[in-house]
Amino acid sequence: MRNVKSMQSKFYTQFEVNDPLLDRSDRFSGIVELTHERGYKVSAAQLTWLLAENFDIEYDQLELVNWYRLH
């Protein structure tokens, strides 16, 4: 059996949450930390989904403005 190593990656993110009921959006920024298999590539869509899940909002209410991996 192959021994799979996991690692943690940190990403700086800036994103907007659009509230259709209030007809406005709010901008947030922060660090997202993920644990994943070594060599796994994280996509913008995956970060958007994760942030939407954590804020308990719909995927299409969140727009990822900027993100990059921290070393």
C-alpha atoms as a PDB file:
ATOM      1  CA  MET A   1       0.000   0.000   0.000  1.00  0.00           C
ATOM      2  CA  ARG A   2       1.259   3.455  -0.921  1.00  0.00           C
ATOM      3  CA  ASN A   3       1.894   5.896   1.909  1.00  0.00           C
ATOM      4  CA  VAL A   4       0.066   9.132   1.001  1.00  0.00           C
ATOM      5  CA  LYS A   5       1.472  12.241   2.605  1.00  0.00           C
ATOM      6  CA  SER A   6      -0.772  15.172   3.358  1.00  0.00           C
ATOM      7  CA  MET A   7       0.211  18.787   3.630  1.00  0.00           C
ATOM      8  CA  GLN A   8      -1.313  22.090   4.576  1.00  0.00           C
ATOM      9  CA  SER A   9      -1.453  25.090   2.284  1.00  0.00           C
ATOM     10  CA  LYS A  10      -2.456  28.623   3.158  1.00  0.00           C
ATOM     11  CA  PHE A  11      -4.076  30.975   0.669  1.00  0.00           C
ATOM     12  CA  TYR A  12      -4.685  34.693   0.960  1.00  0.00           C
ATOM     13  CA  THR A  13      -8.128  35.477  -0.454  1.00  0.00           C
ATOM     14  CA  GLN A  14     -10.177  38.561  -1.276  1.00  0.00           C
ATOM     15  CA  PHE A  15     -13.809  37.982  -2.137  1.00  0.00           C
ATOM     16  CA  GLU A  16     -17.156  39.715  -2.424  1.00  0.00           C
ATOM     17  CA  VAL A  17     -20.417  38.413  -1.048  1.00  0.00           C
ATOM     18  CA  ASN A  18     -23.423  39.648  -3.017  1.00  0.00           C
ATOM     19  CA  ASP A  19     -26.715  39.947  -1.150  1.00  0.00           C
ATOM     20  CA  PRO A  20     -29.550  40.097  -3.683  1.00  0.00           C
ATOM     21  CA  LEU A  21     -32.102  41.039  -1.004  1.00  0.00           C
ATOM     22  CA  LEU A  22     -30.161  44.141  -0.003  1.00  0.00           C
ATOM     23  CA  ASP A  23     -28.900  44.856  -3.530  1.00  0.00           C
ATOM     24  CA  ARG A  24     -25.331  45.286  -2.303  1.00  0.00           C
ATOM     25  CA  SER A  25     -22.079  43.424  -1.849  1.00  0.00           C
ATOM     26  CA  ASP A  26     -19.489  43.326   0.911  1.00  0.00           C
ATOM     27  CA  ARG A  27     -15.784  42.665   0.426  1.00  0.00           C
ATOM     28  CA  PHE A  28     -13.798  40.411   2.744  1.00  0.00           C
ATOM     29  CA  SER A  29     -10.224  39.182   2.916  1.00  0.00           C
ATOM     30  CA  GLY A  30      -8.451  36.550   4.920  1.00  0.00           C
ATOM     31  CA  ILE A  31      -6.415  33.387   5.061  1.00  0.00           C
ATOM     32  CA  VAL A  32      -7.845  30.017   4.045  1.00  0.00           C
ATOM     33  CA  GLU A  33      -5.948  26.929   5.196  1.00  0.00           C
ATOM     34  CA  LEU A  34      -6.451  23.596   3.438  1.00  0.00           C
ATOM     35  CA  THR A  35      -5.192  20.116   4.173  1.00  0.00           C
ATOM     36  CA  HIS A  36      -4.709  18.020   1.039  1.00  0.00           C
ATOM     37  CA  GLU A  37      -2.576  15.339  -0.574  1.00  0.00           C
ATOM     38  CA  ARG A  38       0.911  16.369  -1.621  1.00  0.00           C
ATOM     39  CA  GLY A  39       0.964  17.627  -5.212  1.00  0.00           C
ATOM     40  CA  TYR A  40      -2.759  18.489  -5.274  1.00  0.00           C
ATOM     41  CA  LYS A  41      -3.586  21.682  -7.217  1.00  0.00           C
ATOM     42  CA  VAL A  42      -6.280  23.923  -5.737  1.00  0.00           C
ATOM     43  CA  SER A  43      -8.490  25.841  -8.188  1.00  0.00           C
ATOM     44  CA  ALA A  44     -10.332  29.144  -7.840  1.00  0.00           C
ATOM     45  CA  ALA A  45     -13.640  27.266  -8.169  1.00  0.00           C
ATOM     46  CA  GLN A  46     -12.724  25.006  -5.223  1.00  0.00           C
ATOM     47  CA  LEU A  47     -11.814  27.995  -3.035  1.00  0.00           C
ATOM     48  CA  THR A  48     -15.058  29.743  -4.013  1.00  0.00           C
ATOM     49  CA  TRP A  49     -17.079  26.638  -3.123  1.00  0.00           C
ATOM     50  CA  LEU A  50     -15.283  26.266   0.219  1.00  0.00           C
ATOM     51  CA  LEU A  51     -15.823  29.920   1.162  1.00  0.00           C
ATOM     52  CA  ALA A  52     -19.511  29.788   0.150  1.00  0.00           C
ATOM     53  CA  GLU A  53     -20.001  26.655   2.255  1.00  0.00           C
ATOM     54  CA  ASN A  54     -18.340  28.267   5.273  1.00  0.00           C
ATOM     55  CA  PHE A  55     -20.432  31.436   4.966  1.00  0.00           C
ATOM     56  CA  ASP A  56     -23.577  29.348   4.384  1.00  0.00           C
ATOM     57  CA  ILE A  57     -24.421  31.139   1.147  1.00  0.00           C
ATOM     58  CA  GLU A  58     -25.014  30.066  -2.437  1.00  0.00           C
ATOM     59  CA  TYR A  59     -21.978  29.535  -4.648  1.00  0.00           C
ATOM     60  CA  ASP A  60     -23.106  32.227  -7.098  1.00  0.00           C
ATOM     61  CA  GLN A  61     -23.360  34.853  -4.324  1.00  0.00           C
ATOM     62  CA  LEU A  62     -19.600  34.777  -3.784  1.00  0.00           C
ATOM     63  CA  GLU A  63     -17.052  36.201  -6.186  1.00  0.00           C
ATOM     64  CA  LEU A  64     -13.391  35.427  -5.639  1.00  0.00           C
ATOM     65  CA  VAL A  65     -11.600  38.689  -6.462  1.00  0.00           C
ATOM     66  CA  ASN A  66      -7.997  37.706  -5.748  1.00  0.00           C
ATOM     67  CA  TRP A  67      -6.182  34.730  -4.272  1.00  0.00           C
ATOM     68  CA  TYR A  68      -2.676  33.380  -4.023  1.00  0.00           C
ATOM     69  CA  ARG A  69      -0.841  30.709  -2.149  1.00  0.00           C
ATOM     70  CA  LEU A  70       1.279  31.799   0.801  1.00  0.00           C
ATOM     71  CA  HIS A  71       4.687  30.179   1.217  1.00  0.00           C
END
